[in-house]
Amino acid sequence: MNMQQIRQLAREKGAKIGNMTKVDAVRMIQLTEGNFDCFARAVDGHCDQGECLFQADCVKLAAKSN
C-alpha cells in the first residue's frame, strides 16, 4: 500500500497522521481502529493477523529491520 492509499484510509478512519512516516501512519490507523499498533514489528516474519490490510508490507518491513 502506498502513502496516497494510506492517507486516504486514514481520512476514512478519522486517523490524524499529518506528515508521519509510513510506519507511524499505519500504526496510528491501527490504534484508531482499536487494534494493536504492530505494523513492521513481525518477529521472524511471523504475523498471525491474517485479516490485516497491511500484512504483506508489514512482514517485508519487519524483515528489513531485523
C-alpha atoms as a PDB file:
ATOM      1  CA  MET A   1       0.000   0.000   0.000  1.00  0.00           C
ATOM      2  CA  ASN A   2       1.462   3.354  -0.974  1.00  0.00           C
ATOM      3  CA  MET A   3       1.311   6.576   1.063  1.00  0.00           C
ATOM      4  CA  GLN A   4      -1.534   8.022  -1.004  1.00  0.00           C
ATOM      5  CA  GLN A   5      -3.647   4.965  -0.194  1.00  0.00           C
ATOM      6  CA  ILE A   6      -2.639   5.152   3.463  1.00  0.00           C
ATOM      7  CA  ARG A   7      -3.593   8.848   3.640  1.00  0.00           C
ATOM      8  CA  GLN A   8      -6.989   8.066   2.088  1.00  0.00           C
ATOM      9  CA  LEU A   9      -7.581   5.230   4.551  1.00  0.00           C
ATOM     10  CA  ALA A  10      -6.543   7.478   7.442  1.00  0.00           C
ATOM     11  CA  ARG A  11      -9.098  10.088   6.336  1.00  0.00           C
ATOM     12  CA  GLU A  12     -11.795   7.424   6.124  1.00  0.00           C
ATOM     13  CA  LYS A  13     -10.939   6.108   9.592  1.00  0.00           C
ATOM     14  CA  GLY A  14     -10.517   9.552  11.153  1.00  0.00           C
ATOM     15  CA  ALA A  15      -6.852   8.971  11.994  1.00  0.00           C
ATOM     16  CA  LYS A  16      -4.701  12.090  12.240  1.00  0.00           C
ATOM     17  CA  ILE A  17      -1.411  11.225  10.523  1.00  0.00           C
ATOM     18  CA  GLY A  18      -0.100  14.615   9.360  1.00  0.00           C
ATOM     19  CA  ASN A  19       3.396  14.121   7.909  1.00  0.00           C
ATOM     20  CA  MET A  20       4.129  10.831   9.663  1.00  0.00           C
ATOM     21  CA  THR A  21       6.278   8.148   8.104  1.00  0.00           C
ATOM     22  CA  LYS A  22       4.517   5.186   6.523  1.00  0.00           C
ATOM     23  CA  VAL A  23       5.213   3.021   9.568  1.00  0.00           C
ATOM     24  CA  ASP A  24       3.930   5.598  12.051  1.00  0.00           C
ATOM     25  CA  ALA A  25       0.888   6.392   9.897  1.00  0.00           C
ATOM     26  CA  VAL A  26      -0.145   2.751   9.662  1.00  0.00           C
ATOM     27  CA  ARG A  27       0.347   2.306  13.397  1.00  0.00           C
ATOM     28  CA  MET A  28      -1.879   5.343  14.021  1.00  0.00           C
ATOM     29  CA  ILE A  29      -4.567   3.841  11.778  1.00  0.00           C
ATOM     30  CA  GLN A  30      -4.290   0.564  13.681  1.00  0.00           C
ATOM     31  CA  LEU A  31      -4.743   2.353  17.010  1.00  0.00           C
ATOM     32  CA  THR A  32      -7.660   4.376  15.653  1.00  0.00           C
ATOM     33  CA  GLU A  33      -9.336   1.117  14.641  1.00  0.00           C
ATOM     34  CA  GLY A  34      -8.847  -0.254  18.157  1.00  0.00           C
ATOM     35  CA  ASN A  35      -6.117  -2.701  17.129  1.00  0.00           C
ATOM     36  CA  PHE A  36      -2.553  -3.226  18.287  1.00  0.00           C
ATOM     37  CA  ASP A  37      -0.039  -0.890  16.637  1.00  0.00           C
ATOM     38  CA  CYS A  38       2.096  -3.794  15.464  1.00  0.00           C
ATOM     39  CA  PHE A  39       2.941  -2.716  11.895  1.00  0.00           C
ATOM     40  CA  ALA A  40       6.516  -3.644  10.855  1.00  0.00           C
ATOM     41  CA  ARG A  41       7.092  -5.477  14.135  1.00  0.00           C
ATOM     42  CA  ALA A  42       6.569  -9.056  12.897  1.00  0.00           C
ATOM     43  CA  VAL A  43       9.143 -11.244  14.648  1.00  0.00           C
ATOM     44  CA  ASP A  44      10.952 -13.654  12.312  1.00  0.00           C
ATOM     45  CA  GLY A  45       8.471 -12.791   9.554  1.00  0.00           C
ATOM     46  CA  HIS A  46       5.572 -14.249  11.529  1.00  0.00           C
ATOM     47  CA  CYS A  47       2.253 -12.427  11.809  1.00  0.00           C
ATOM     48  CA  ASP A  48      -0.972 -14.055  12.969  1.00  0.00           C
ATOM     49  CA  GLN A  49      -3.189 -11.140  11.872  1.00  0.00           C
ATOM     50  CA  GLY A  50      -4.412 -12.723   8.640  1.00  0.00           C
ATOM     51  CA  GLU A  51      -7.196 -10.181   8.069  1.00  0.00           C
ATOM     52  CA  CYS A  52      -4.894  -7.152   8.350  1.00  0.00           C
ATOM     53  CA  LEU A  53      -4.811  -4.872   5.300  1.00  0.00           C
ATOM     54  CA  PHE A  54      -1.154  -4.151   5.922  1.00  0.00           C
ATOM     55  CA  GLN A  55       0.171  -7.675   6.485  1.00  0.00           C
ATOM     56  CA  ALA A  56       2.253  -8.029   3.298  1.00  0.00           C
ATOM     57  CA  ASP A  57       4.007  -4.659   3.779  1.00  0.00           C
ATOM     58  CA  CYS A  58       4.363  -5.341   7.490  1.00  0.00           C
ATOM     59  CA  VAL A  59       6.264  -8.587   7.077  1.00  0.00           C
ATOM     60  CA  LYS A  60       8.539  -7.087   4.391  1.00  0.00           C
ATOM     61  CA  LEU A  61       9.435  -4.063   6.525  1.00  0.00           C
ATOM     62  CA  ALA A  62       9.924  -6.165   9.647  1.00  0.00           C
ATOM     63  CA  ALA A  63      12.360  -8.416   7.766  1.00  0.00           C
ATOM     64  CA  LYS A  64      14.407  -5.389   6.670  1.00  0.00           C
ATOM     65  CA  SER A  65      14.721  -4.082  10.220  1.00  0.00           C
ATOM     66  CA  ASN A  66      15.837  -7.430  11.720  1.00  0.00           C
END
